[in-house]
């Protein structure tokens, strides 16, 4: 027998290639999630459970920990993408306040002249 069967993979663990969602894996680089997991698994210590079992082809990752890592990464990406919009809104708000102050100032002068 060349390699161990899928049943030989411990419960709660999956091959890291499980996260490679490309249709044709023979061409191109790894998909985004798979690429992120590969990079994070090489950190010392890794950000989630990683192991290689003799006879099982591929690197294994603790599925719930890898899923949590990918969720955290997606959430941080989402919050980063919102920040420029917030800064732009803050700038627009400050511009609006400046203009309203000048309008109020002009109205005050007009009321003085009319009195």
PDB file of N, CA and C in Angstrom:
ATOM      1  N   UNK A   1       0.852  -1.189   0.000  1.00  0.00           N
ATOM      2  CA  UNK A   1       0.000   0.000   0.000  1.00  0.00           C
ATOM      3  C   UNK A   1       0.887   1.237   0.000  1.00  0.00           C
ATOM      4  N   UNK A   2       0.645   2.153  -0.915  1.00  0.00           N
ATOM      5  CA  UNK A   2       1.513   3.313  -1.093  1.00  0.00           C
ATOM      6  C   UNK A   2       1.365   4.329   0.027  1.00  0.00           C
ATOM      7  N   UNK A   3       0.161   4.695   0.433  1.00  0.00           N
ATOM      8  CA  UNK A   3      -0.058   5.684   1.495  1.00  0.00           C
ATOM      9  C   UNK A   3      -1.232   5.274   2.348  1.00  0.00           C
ATOM     10  N   UNK A   4      -1.361   5.918   3.470  1.00  0.00           N
ATOM     11  CA  UNK A   4      -2.469   5.588   4.357  1.00  0.00           C
ATOM     12  C   UNK A   4      -3.774   6.117   3.780  1.00  0.00           C
ATOM     13  N   UNK A   5      -4.862   5.523   4.174  1.00  0.00           N
ATOM     14  CA  UNK A   5      -6.186   5.903   3.718  1.00  0.00           C
ATOM     15  C   UNK A   5      -6.661   7.157   4.454  1.00  0.00           C
ATOM     16  N   UNK A   6      -7.726   7.778   3.930  1.00  0.00           N
ATOM     17  CA  UNK A   6      -8.325   8.943   4.566  1.00  0.00           C
ATOM     18  C   UNK A   6      -8.739   8.600   5.992  1.00  0.00           C
ATOM     19  N   UNK A   7      -9.154   7.362   6.227  1.00  0.00           N
ATOM     20  CA  UNK A   7      -9.576   6.961   7.570  1.00  0.00           C
ATOM     21  C   UNK A   7      -8.411   6.985   8.557  1.00  0.00           C
ATOM     22  N   UNK A   8      -7.169   7.009   8.064  1.00  0.00           N
ATOM     23  CA  UNK A   8      -5.997   7.063   8.940  1.00  0.00           C
ATOM     24  C   UNK A   8      -5.692   8.480   9.415  1.00  0.00           C
ATOM     25  N   UNK A   9      -6.412   9.464   8.892  1.00  0.00           N
ATOM     26  CA  UNK A   9      -6.237  10.854   9.332  1.00  0.00           C
ATOM     27  C   UNK A   9      -6.996  11.009  10.649  1.00  0.00           C
ATOM     28  N   UNK A  10      -6.342  11.541  11.677  1.00  0.00           N
ATOM     29  CA  UNK A  10      -7.011  11.691  12.979  1.00  0.00           C
ATOM     30  C   UNK A  10      -8.278  12.543  12.874  1.00  0.00           C
ATOM     31  N   UNK A  11      -9.233  12.253  13.730  1.00  0.00           N
ATOM     32  CA  UNK A  11     -10.488  12.996  13.731  1.00  0.00           C
ATOM     33  C   UNK A  11     -10.227  14.463  14.066  1.00  0.00           C
ATOM     34  N   UNK A  12     -10.878  15.357  13.338  1.00  0.00           N
ATOM     35  CA  UNK A  12     -10.708  16.795  13.554  1.00  0.00           C
ATOM     36  C   UNK A  12      -9.589  17.398  12.717  1.00  0.00           C
ATOM     37  N   UNK A  13      -8.880  16.571  11.977  1.00  0.00           N
ATOM     38  CA  UNK A  13      -7.779  17.028  11.132  1.00  0.00           C
ATOM     39  C   UNK A  13      -8.153  16.811   9.678  1.00  0.00           C
ATOM     40  N   UNK A  14      -7.660  17.674   8.782  1.00  0.00           N
ATOM     41  CA  UNK A  14      -7.858  17.520   7.335  1.00  0.00           C
ATOM     42  C   UNK A  14      -6.551  17.850   6.634  1.00  0.00           C
ATOM     43  N   UNK A  15      -6.438  17.372   5.402  1.00  0.00           N
ATOM     44  CA  UNK A  15      -5.261  17.775   4.616  1.00  0.00           C
ATOM     45  C   UNK A  15      -5.380  19.263   4.318  1.00  0.00           C
ATOM     46  N   UNK A  16      -4.262  19.968   4.369  1.00  0.00           N
ATOM     47  CA  UNK A  16      -4.287  21.398   4.086  1.00  0.00           C
ATOM     48  C   UNK A  16      -4.798  21.650   2.674  1.00  0.00           C
ATOM     49  N   UNK A  17      -4.557  20.724   1.778  1.00  0.00           N
ATOM     50  CA  UNK A  17      -5.019  20.879   0.393  1.00  0.00           C
ATOM     51  C   UNK A  17      -6.546  20.898   0.293  1.00  0.00           C
ATOM     52  N   UNK A  18      -7.244  20.528   1.360  1.00  0.00           N
ATOM     53  CA  UNK A  18      -8.700  20.630   1.431  1.00  0.00           C
ATOM     54  C   UNK A  18      -9.151  22.068   1.158  1.00  0.00           C
ATOM     55  N   UNK A  19      -8.316  23.041   1.516  1.00  0.00           N
ATOM     56  CA  UNK A  19      -8.644  24.464   1.364  1.00  0.00           C
ATOM     57  C   UNK A  19      -8.259  25.018  -0.004  1.00  0.00           C
ATOM     58  N   UNK A  20      -7.641  24.196  -0.855  1.00  0.00           N
ATOM     59  CA  UNK A  20      -7.285  24.641  -2.203  1.00  0.00           C
ATOM     60  C   UNK A  20      -8.491  24.406  -3.103  1.00  0.00           C
ATOM     61  N   UNK A  21      -9.213  25.474  -3.415  1.00  0.00           N
ATOM     62  CA  UNK A  21     -10.499  25.366  -4.105  1.00  0.00           C
ATOM     63  C   UNK A  21     -10.394  25.448  -5.631  1.00  0.00           C
ATOM     64  N   UNK A  22      -9.189  25.453  -6.166  1.00  0.00           N
ATOM     65  CA  UNK A  22      -9.053  25.543  -7.630  1.00  0.00           C
ATOM     66  C   UNK A  22      -9.600  24.296  -8.301  1.00  0.00           C
ATOM     67  N   UNK A  23     -10.219  24.485  -9.455  1.00  0.00           N
ATOM     68  CA  UNK A  23     -10.725  23.349 -10.242  1.00  0.00           C
ATOM     69  C   UNK A  23      -9.558  22.512 -10.761  1.00  0.00           C
ATOM     70  N   UNK A  24      -8.590  23.192 -11.415  1.00  0.00           N
ATOM     71  CA  UNK A  24      -7.438  22.514 -12.003  1.00  0.00           C
ATOM     72  C   UNK A  24      -6.210  22.831 -11.150  1.00  0.00           C
ATOM     73  N   UNK A  25      -5.835  21.905 -10.296  1.00  0.00           N
ATOM     74  CA  UNK A  25      -4.717  22.143  -9.377  1.00  0.00           C
ATOM     75  C   UNK A  25      -3.349  21.975 -10.041  1.00  0.00           C
ATOM     76  N   UNK A  26      -3.345  21.536 -11.303  1.00  0.00           N
ATOM     77  CA  UNK A  26      -2.070  21.336 -11.986  1.00  0.00           C
ATOM     78  C   UNK A  26      -1.522  22.640 -12.565  1.00  0.00           C
ATOM     79  N   UNK A  27      -2.355  23.683 -12.616  1.00  0.00           N
ATOM     80  CA  UNK A  27      -1.913  24.950 -13.196  1.00  0.00           C
ATOM     81  C   UNK A  27      -2.116  26.087 -12.202  1.00  0.00           C
ATOM     82  N   UNK A  28      -1.225  27.049 -12.253  1.00  0.00           N
ATOM     83  CA  UNK A  28      -1.359  28.229 -11.394  1.00  0.00           C
ATOM     84  C   UNK A  28      -0.914  27.969  -9.972  1.00  0.00           C
ATOM     85  N   UNK A  29      -0.974  29.011  -9.164  1.00  0.00           N
ATOM     86  CA  UNK A  29      -0.582  28.903  -7.765  1.00  0.00           C
ATOM     87  C   UNK A  29      -1.748  28.518  -6.884  1.00  0.00           C
ATOM     88  N   UNK A  30      -1.500  28.390  -5.592  1.00  0.00           N
ATOM     89  CA  UNK A  30      -2.573  27.997  -4.674  1.00  0.00           C
ATOM     90  C   UNK A  30      -3.635  29.078  -4.546  1.00  0.00           C
ATOM     91  N   UNK A  31      -4.859  28.657  -4.170  1.00  0.00           N
ATOM     92  CA  UNK A  31      -5.941  29.620  -3.963  1.00  0.00           C
ATOM     93  C   UNK A  31      -5.636  30.466  -2.730  1.00  0.00           C
ATOM     94  N   UNK A  32      -6.390  31.540  -2.536  1.00  0.00           N
ATOM     95  CA  UNK A  32      -6.107  32.505  -1.467  1.00  0.00           C
ATOM     96  C   UNK A  32      -6.063  31.875  -0.078  1.00  0.00           C
ATOM     97  N   UNK A  33      -7.111  31.129   0.307  1.00  0.00           N
ATOM     98  CA  UNK A  33      -7.145  30.530   1.643  1.00  0.00           C
ATOM     99  C   UNK A  33      -5.999  29.545   1.823  1.00  0.00           C
ATOM    100  N   UNK A  34      -5.768  28.726   0.830  1.00  0.00           N
ATOM    101  CA  UNK A  34      -4.699  27.730   0.905  1.00  0.00           C
ATOM    102  C   UNK A  34      -3.342  28.429   1.033  1.00  0.00           C
ATOM    103  N   UNK A  35      -3.142  29.501   0.278  1.00  0.00           N
ATOM    104  CA  UNK A  35      -1.878  30.249   0.338  1.00  0.00           C
ATOM    105  C   UNK A  35      -1.681  30.847   1.736  1.00  0.00           C
ATOM    106  N   UNK A  36      -2.754  31.395   2.318  1.00  0.00           N
ATOM    107  CA  UNK A  36      -2.670  31.970   3.671  1.00  0.00           C
ATOM    108  C   UNK A  36      -2.334  30.900   4.705  1.00  0.00           C
ATOM    109  N   UNK A  37      -2.967  29.739   4.571  1.00  0.00           N
ATOM    110  CA  UNK A  37      -2.692  28.643   5.496  1.00  0.00           C
ATOM    111  C   UNK A  37      -1.258  28.149   5.364  1.00  0.00           C
ATOM    112  N   UNK A  38      -0.762  28.049   4.135  1.00  0.00           N
ATOM    113  CA  UNK A  38       0.621  27.619   3.929  1.00  0.00           C
ATOM    114  C   UNK A  38       1.588  28.566   4.637  1.00  0.00           C
ATOM    115  N   UNK A  39       1.383  29.865   4.447  1.00  0.00           N
ATOM    116  CA  UNK A  39       2.273  30.858   5.071  1.00  0.00           C
ATOM    117  C   UNK A  39       2.177  30.798   6.592  1.00  0.00           C
ATOM    118  N   UNK A  40       0.957  30.703   7.122  1.00  0.00           N
ATOM    119  CA  UNK A  40       0.767  30.684   8.575  1.00  0.00           C
ATOM    120  C   UNK A  40       1.304  29.392   9.194  1.00  0.00           C
ATOM    121  N   UNK A  41       1.279  28.298   8.439  1.00  0.00           N
ATOM    122  CA  UNK A  41       1.761  27.025   8.980  1.00  0.00           C
ATOM    123  C   UNK A  41       3.277  27.008   9.104  1.00  0.00           C
ATOM    124  N   UNK A  42       3.958  27.885   8.378  1.00  0.00           N
ATOM    125  CA  UNK A  42       5.418  27.920   8.412  1.00  0.00           C
ATOM    126  C   UNK A  42       5.958  28.820   9.508  1.00  0.00           C
ATOM    127  N   UNK A  43       5.062  29.561  10.186  1.00  0.00           N
ATOM    128  CA  UNK A  43       5.501  30.400  11.299  1.00  0.00           C
ATOM    129  C   UNK A  43       5.949  29.513  12.447  1.00  0.00           C
ATOM    130  N   UNK A  44       6.771  30.055  13.300  1.00  0.00           N
ATOM    131  CA  UNK A  44       7.230  29.286  14.452  1.00  0.00           C
ATOM    132  C   UNK A  44       6.831  30.008  15.715  1.00  0.00           C
ATOM    133  N   UNK A  45       5.851  29.587  16.458  1.00  0.00           N
ATOM    134  CA  UNK A  45       4.991  28.429  16.233  1.00  0.00           C
ATOM    135  C   UNK A  45       3.894  28.760  15.237  1.00  0.00           C
ATOM    136  N   UNK A  46       3.337  27.734  14.584  1.00  0.00           N
ATOM    137  CA  UNK A  46       2.245  27.972  13.631  1.00  0.00           C
ATOM    138  C   UNK A  46       1.019  28.531  14.345  1.00  0.00           C
ATOM    139  N   UNK A  47       0.152  29.178  13.597  1.00  0.00           N
ATOM    140  CA  UNK A  47      -1.032  29.823  14.176  1.00  0.00           C
ATOM    141  C   UNK A  47      -2.191  28.845  14.409  1.00  0.00           C
ATOM    142  N   UNK A  48      -2.010  27.590  14.048  1.00  0.00           N
ATOM    143  CA  UNK A  48      -3.019  26.545  14.241  1.00  0.00           C
ATOM    144  C   UNK A  48      -2.297  25.214  14.223  1.00  0.00           C
ATOM    145  N   UNK A  49      -3.002  24.162  14.619  1.00  0.00           N
ATOM    146  CA  UNK A  49      -2.388  22.835  14.670  1.00  0.00           C
ATOM    147  C   UNK A  49      -1.973  22.341  13.300  1.00  0.00           C
ATOM    148  N   UNK A  50      -0.704  21.913  13.185  1.00  0.00           N
ATOM    149  CA  UNK A  50      -0.153  21.405  11.932  1.00  0.00           C
ATOM    150  C   UNK A  50       0.622  20.137  12.259  1.00  0.00           C
ATOM    151  N   UNK A  51       0.472  19.108  11.423  1.00  0.00           N
ATOM    152  CA  UNK A  51       1.260  17.899  11.623  1.00  0.00           C
ATOM    153  C   UNK A  51       1.435  17.149  10.317  1.00  0.00           C
ATOM    154  N   UNK A  52       2.479  16.376  10.259  1.00  0.00           N
ATOM    155  CA  UNK A  52       2.717  15.455   9.154  1.00  0.00           C
ATOM    156  C   UNK A  52       2.773  14.060   9.758  1.00  0.00           C
ATOM    157  N   UNK A  53       2.005  13.152   9.207  1.00  0.00           N
ATOM    158  CA  UNK A  53       1.985  11.786   9.699  1.00  0.00           C
ATOM    159  C   UNK A  53       2.638  10.902   8.649  1.00  0.00           C
ATOM    160  N   UNK A  54       3.547  10.087   9.099  1.00  0.00           N
ATOM    161  CA  UNK A  54       4.238   9.180   8.188  1.00  0.00           C
ATOM    162  C   UNK A  54       3.219   8.302   7.466  1.00  0.00           C
ATOM    163  N   UNK A  55       3.314   8.275   6.163  1.00  0.00           N
ATOM    164  CA  UNK A  55       2.417   7.457   5.361  1.00  0.00           C
ATOM    165  C   UNK A  55       1.175   8.191   4.878  1.00  0.00           C
ATOM    166  N   UNK A  56       0.888   9.366   5.440  1.00  0.00           N
ATOM    167  CA  UNK A  56      -0.254  10.159   4.984  1.00  0.00           C
ATOM    168  C   UNK A  56       0.297  11.269   4.102  1.00  0.00           C
ATOM    169  N   UNK A  57      -0.181  11.326   2.866  1.00  0.00           N
ATOM    170  CA  UNK A  57       0.307  12.313   1.920  1.00  0.00           C
ATOM    171  C   UNK A  57      -0.216  13.689   2.295  1.00  0.00           C
ATOM    172  N   UNK A  58       0.671  14.674   2.400  1.00  0.00           N
ATOM    173  CA  UNK A  58       0.294  16.061   2.637  1.00  0.00           C
ATOM    174  C   UNK A  58       0.353  16.460   4.098  1.00  0.00           C
ATOM    175  N   UNK A  59       0.337  17.752   4.301  1.00  0.00           N
ATOM    176  CA  UNK A  59       0.341  18.327   5.648  1.00  0.00           C
ATOM    177  C   UNK A  59      -1.079  18.355   6.174  1.00  0.00           C
ATOM    178  N   UNK A  60      -1.232  17.997   7.439  1.00  0.00           N
ATOM    179  CA  UNK A  60      -2.547  18.007   8.069  1.00  0.00           C
ATOM    180  C   UNK A  60      -2.683  19.242   8.945  1.00  0.00           C
ATOM    181  N   UNK A  61      -3.895  19.795   8.982  1.00  0.00           N
ATOM    182  CA  UNK A  61      -4.187  20.937   9.847  1.00  0.00           C
ATOM    183  C   UNK A  61      -5.405  20.616  10.688  1.00  0.00           C
ATOM    184  N   UNK A  62      -5.439  21.178  11.880  1.00  0.00           N
ATOM    185  CA  UNK A  62      -6.593  21.033  12.771  1.00  0.00           C
ATOM    186  C   UNK A  62      -7.705  21.879  12.161  1.00  0.00           C
ATOM    187  N   UNK A  63      -8.768  21.246  11.685  1.00  0.00           N
ATOM    188  CA  UNK A  63      -9.797  21.923  10.886  1.00  0.00           C
ATOM    189  C   UNK A  63     -10.432  23.106  11.602  1.00  0.00           C
ATOM    190  N   UNK A  64     -10.858  22.944  12.853  1.00  0.00           N
ATOM    191  CA  UNK A  64     -11.538  24.050  13.533  1.00  0.00           C
ATOM    192  C   UNK A  64     -10.603  25.226  13.766  1.00  0.00           C
ATOM    193  N   UNK A  65      -9.315  24.958  14.045  1.00  0.00           N
ATOM    194  CA  UNK A  65      -8.349  26.042  14.244  1.00  0.00           C
ATOM    195  C   UNK A  65      -8.035  26.754  12.929  1.00  0.00           C
ATOM    196  N   UNK A  66      -7.913  25.994  11.834  1.00  0.00           N
ATOM    197  CA  UNK A  66      -7.648  26.597  10.518  1.00  0.00           C
ATOM    198  C   UNK A  66      -8.846  27.441  10.076  1.00  0.00           C
ATOM    199  N   UNK A  67     -10.063  26.935  10.312  1.00  0.00           N
ATOM    200  CA  UNK A  67     -11.264  27.699   9.971  1.00  0.00           C
ATOM    201  C   UNK A  67     -11.327  29.003  10.767  1.00  0.00           C
ATOM    202  N   UNK A  68     -10.997  28.937  12.058  1.00  0.00           N
ATOM    203  CA  UNK A  68     -11.002  30.141  12.903  1.00  0.00           C
ATOM    204  C   UNK A  68      -9.954  31.140  12.409  1.00  0.00           C
ATOM    205  N   UNK A  69      -8.778  30.647  12.015  1.00  0.00           N
ATOM    206  CA  UNK A  69      -7.732  31.513  11.475  1.00  0.00           C
ATOM    207  C   UNK A  69      -8.225  32.234  10.227  1.00  0.00           C
ATOM    208  N   UNK A  70      -8.846  31.503   9.320  1.00  0.00           N
ATOM    209  CA  UNK A  70      -9.344  32.113   8.079  1.00  0.00           C
ATOM    210  C   UNK A  70     -10.455  33.116   8.362  1.00  0.00           C
ATOM    211  N   UNK A  71     -11.319  32.841   9.346  1.00  0.00           N
ATOM    212  CA  UNK A  71     -12.381  33.801   9.718  1.00  0.00           C
ATOM    213  C   UNK A  71     -11.763  35.083  10.262  1.00  0.00           C
ATOM    214  N   UNK A  72     -10.766  34.946  11.146  1.00  0.00           N
ATOM    215  CA  UNK A  72     -10.102  36.145  11.700  1.00  0.00           C
ATOM    216  C   UNK A  72      -9.459  36.953  10.584  1.00  0.00           C
ATOM    217  N   UNK A  73      -8.834  36.271   9.648  1.00  0.00           N
ATOM    218  CA  UNK A  73      -8.190  36.960   8.535  1.00  0.00           C
ATOM    219  C   UNK A  73      -9.232  37.699   7.701  1.00  0.00           C
ATOM    220  N   UNK A  74     -10.362  37.054   7.418  1.00  0.00           N
ATOM    221  CA  UNK A  74     -11.427  37.685   6.621  1.00  0.00           C
ATOM    222  C   UNK A  74     -12.001  38.893   7.352  1.00  0.00           C
ATOM    223  N   UNK A  75     -12.183  38.781   8.676  1.00  0.00           N
ATOM    224  CA  UNK A  75     -12.716  39.903   9.455  1.00  0.00           C
ATOM    225  C   UNK A  75     -11.748  41.075   9.463  1.00  0.00           C
ATOM    226  N   UNK A  76     -10.449  40.800   9.597  1.00  0.00           N
ATOM    227  CA  UNK A  76      -9.478  41.894   9.603  1.00  0.00           C
ATOM    228  C   UNK A  76      -9.404  42.560   8.227  1.00  0.00           C
ATOM    229  N   UNK A  77      -9.536  41.776   7.168  1.00  0.00           N
ATOM    230  CA  UNK A  77      -9.567  42.339   5.812  1.00  0.00           C
ATOM    231  C   UNK A  77     -10.794  43.229   5.632  1.00  0.00           C
ATOM    232  N   UNK A  78     -11.934  42.777   6.133  1.00  0.00           N
ATOM    233  CA  UNK A  78     -13.169  43.548   5.998  1.00  0.00           C
ATOM    234  C   UNK A  78     -13.065  44.864   6.757  1.00  0.00           C
ATOM    235  N   UNK A  79     -12.494  44.844   7.955  1.00  0.00           N
ATOM    236  CA  UNK A  79     -12.375  46.087   8.725  1.00  0.00           C
ATOM    237  C   UNK A  79     -11.366  47.029   8.075  1.00  0.00           C
ATOM    238  N   UNK A  80     -10.307  46.473   7.468  1.00  0.00           N
ATOM    239  CA  UNK A  80      -9.333  47.325   6.774  1.00  0.00           C
ATOM    240  C   UNK A  80      -9.947  48.002   5.569  1.00  0.00           C
ATOM    241  N   UNK A  81     -10.819  47.310   4.868  1.00  0.00           N
ATOM    242  CA  UNK A  81     -11.422  47.892   3.669  1.00  0.00           C
ATOM    243  C   UNK A  81     -12.418  48.992   4.028  1.00  0.00           C
ATOM    244  N   UNK A  82     -12.972  48.987   5.233  1.00  0.00           N
ATOM    245  CA  UNK A  82     -13.921  50.021   5.655  1.00  0.00           C
ATOM    246  C   UNK A  82     -13.216  51.295   6.104  1.00  0.00           C
ATOM    247  N   UNK A  83     -11.982  51.223   6.562  1.00  0.00           N
ATOM    248  CA  UNK A  83     -11.292  52.382   7.120  1.00  0.00           C
ATOM    249  C   UNK A  83     -11.161  53.549   6.148  1.00  0.00           C
ATOM    250  N   UNK A  84     -10.766  53.355   4.886  1.00  0.00           N
ATOM    251  CA  UNK A  84     -10.691  54.518   3.990  1.00  0.00           C
ATOM    252  C   UNK A  84     -12.035  55.222   3.825  1.00  0.00           C
ATOM    253  N   UNK A  85     -13.106  54.468   3.798  1.00  0.00           N
ATOM    254  CA  UNK A  85     -14.435  55.075   3.675  1.00  0.00           C
ATOM    255  C   UNK A  85     -14.744  55.906   4.909  1.00  0.00           C
ATOM    256  N   UNK A  86     -14.347  55.427   6.080  1.00  0.00           N
ATOM    257  CA  UNK A  86     -14.576  56.187   7.309  1.00  0.00           C
ATOM    258  C   UNK A  86     -13.776  57.486   7.299  1.00  0.00           C
ATOM    259  N   UNK A  87     -12.512  57.405   6.865  1.00  0.00           N
ATOM    260  CA  UNK A  87     -11.692  58.617   6.797  1.00  0.00           C
ATOM    261  C   UNK A  87     -12.294  59.612   5.818  1.00  0.00           C
ATOM    262  N   UNK A  88     -12.785  59.130   4.703  1.00  0.00           N
ATOM    263  CA  UNK A  88     -13.398  60.003   3.707  1.00  0.00           C
ATOM    264  C   UNK A  88     -14.656  60.639   4.284  1.00  0.00           C
ATOM    265  N   UNK A  89     -15.444  59.868   5.028  1.00  0.00           N
ATOM    266  CA  UNK A  89     -16.652  60.407   5.654  1.00  0.00           C
ATOM    267  C   UNK A  89     -16.289  61.455   6.693  1.00  0.00           C
ATOM    268  N   UNK A  90     -15.234  61.217   7.480  1.00  0.00           N
ATOM    269  CA  UNK A  90     -14.785  62.195   8.469  1.00  0.00           C
ATOM    270  C   UNK A  90     -14.370  63.494   7.795  1.00  0.00           C
ATOM    271  N   UNK A  91     -13.671  63.388   6.675  1.00  0.00           N
ATOM    272  CA  UNK A  91     -13.237  64.577   5.937  1.00  0.00           C
ATOM    273  C   UNK A  91     -14.453  65.348   5.411  1.00  0.00           C
ATOM    274  N   UNK A  92     -15.415  64.621   4.855  1.00  0.00           N
ATOM    275  CA  UNK A  92     -16.623  65.268   4.331  1.00  0.00           C
ATOM    276  C   UNK A  92     -17.399  65.944   5.450  1.00  0.00           C
ATOM    277  N   UNK A  93     -17.464  65.316   6.616  1.00  0.00           N
ATOM    278  CA  UNK A  93     -18.173  65.888   7.759  1.00  0.00           C
ATOM    279  C   UNK A  93     -17.497  67.170   8.223  1.00  0.00           C
ATOM    280  N   UNK A  94     -16.173  67.160   8.301  1.00  0.00           N
ATOM    281  CA  UNK A  94     -15.477  68.373   8.743  1.00  0.00           C
ATOM    282  C   UNK A  94     -15.646  69.511   7.732  1.00  0.00           C
ATOM    283  N   UNK A  95     -15.644  69.189   6.442  1.00  0.00           N
ATOM    284  CA  UNK A  95     -15.879  70.206   5.407  1.00  0.00           C
ATOM    285  C   UNK A  95     -17.283  70.790   5.549  1.00  0.00           C
ATOM    286  N   UNK A  96     -18.259  69.931   5.778  1.00  0.00           N
ATOM    287  CA  UNK A  96     -19.637  70.372   5.941  1.00  0.00           C
ATOM    288  C   UNK A  96     -19.774  71.283   7.164  1.00  0.00           C
ATOM    289  N   UNK A  97     -19.114  70.911   8.260  1.00  0.00           N
ATOM    290  CA  UNK A  97     -19.171  71.743   9.466  1.00  0.00           C
ATOM    291  C   UNK A  97     -18.559  73.124   9.225  1.00  0.00           C
ATOM    292  N   UNK A  98     -17.452  73.169   8.503  1.00  0.00           N
ATOM    293  CA  UNK A  98     -16.821  74.455   8.189  1.00  0.00           C
ATOM    294  C   UNK A  98     -17.771  75.339   7.375  1.00  0.00           C
ATOM    295  N   UNK A  99     -18.416  74.742   6.386  1.00  0.00           N
ATOM    296  CA  UNK A  99     -19.339  75.506   5.547  1.00  0.00           C
ATOM    297  C   UNK A  99     -20.550  75.982   6.341  1.00  0.00           C
ATOM    298  N   UNK A 100     -21.051  75.134   7.242  1.00  0.00           N
ATOM    299  CA  UNK A 100     -22.201  75.532   8.056  1.00  0.00           C
ATOM    300  C   UNK A 100     -21.830  76.670   8.996  1.00  0.00           C
ATOM    301  N   UNK A 101     -20.609  76.634   9.533  1.00  0.00           N
ATOM    302  CA  UNK A 101     -20.158  77.724  10.399  1.00  0.00           C
ATOM    303  C   UNK A 101     -20.112  79.034   9.632  1.00  0.00           C
ATOM    304  N   UNK A 102     -19.611  78.977   8.396  1.00  0.00           N
ATOM    305  CA  UNK A 102     -19.549  80.216   7.606  1.00  0.00           C
ATOM    306  C   UNK A 102     -20.950  80.699   7.236  1.00  0.00           C
ATOM    307  N   UNK A 103     -21.879  79.791   6.960  1.00  0.00           N
ATOM    308  CA  UNK A 103     -23.263  80.172   6.665  1.00  0.00           C
ATOM    309  C   UNK A 103     -23.891  80.822   7.893  1.00  0.00           C
ATOM    310  N   UNK A 104     -23.665  80.241   9.061  1.00  0.00           N
ATOM    311  CA  UNK A 104     -24.201  80.801  10.308  1.00  0.00           C
ATOM    312  C   UNK A 104     -23.621  82.193  10.571  1.00  0.00           C
ATOM    313  N   UNK A 105     -22.348  82.348  10.286  1.00  0.00           N
ATOM    314  CA  UNK A 105     -21.693  83.642  10.452  1.00  0.00           C
ATOM    315  C   UNK A 105     -22.339  84.689   9.536  1.00  0.00           C
ATOM    316  N   UNK A 106     -22.557  84.304   8.267  1.00  0.00           N
ATOM    317  CA  UNK A 106     -23.189  85.215   7.316  1.00  0.00           C
ATOM    318  C   UNK A 106     -24.624  85.552   7.729  1.00  0.00           C
ATOM    319  N   UNK A 107     -25.357  84.556   8.223  1.00  0.00           N
ATOM    320  CA  UNK A 107     -26.712  84.799   8.695  1.00  0.00           C
ATOM    321  C   UNK A 107     -26.711  85.766   9.889  1.00  0.00           C
ATOM    322  N   UNK A 108     -25.735  85.586  10.774  1.00  0.00           N
ATOM    323  CA  UNK A 108     -25.627  86.497  11.917  1.00  0.00           C
ATOM    324  C   UNK A 108     -25.400  87.922  11.458  1.00  0.00           C
ATOM    325  N   UNK A 109     -24.529  88.132  10.472  1.00  0.00           N
ATOM    326  CA  UNK A 109     -24.271  89.471   9.947  1.00  0.00           C
ATOM    327  C   UNK A 109     -25.516  90.035   9.287  1.00  0.00           C
ATOM    328  N   UNK A 110     -26.241  89.203   8.553  1.00  0.00           N
ATOM    329  CA  UNK A 110     -27.467  89.645   7.898  1.00  0.00           C
ATOM    330  C   UNK A 110     -28.520  90.093   8.927  1.00  0.00           C
ATOM    331  N   UNK A 111     -28.652  89.328  10.002  1.00  0.00           N
ATOM    332  CA  UNK A 111     -29.616  89.677  11.052  1.00  0.00           C
ATOM    333  C   UNK A 111     -29.221  91.002  11.683  1.00  0.00           C
ATOM    334  N   UNK A 112     -27.932  91.248  11.900  1.00  0.00           N
ATOM    335  CA  UNK A 112     -27.464  92.519  12.481  1.00  0.00           C
ATOM    336  C   UNK A 112     -27.830  93.672  11.572  1.00  0.00           C
ATOM    337  N   UNK A 113     -27.634  93.504  10.272  1.00  0.00           N
ATOM    338  CA  UNK A 113     -27.934  94.594   9.338  1.00  0.00           C
ATOM    339  C   UNK A 113     -29.434  94.855   9.256  1.00  0.00           C
ATOM    340  N   UNK A 114     -30.236  93.809   9.335  1.00  0.00           N
ATOM    341  CA  UNK A 114     -31.682  93.970   9.264  1.00  0.00           C
ATOM    342  C   UNK A 114     -32.268  94.566  10.559  1.00  0.00           C
ATOM    343  N   UNK A 115     -31.567  94.432  11.680  1.00  0.00           N
ATOM    344  CA  UNK A 115     -32.111  94.955  12.949  1.00  0.00           C
ATOM    345  C   UNK A 115     -31.968  96.430  13.086  1.00  0.00           C
TER     346      UNK A 115
END
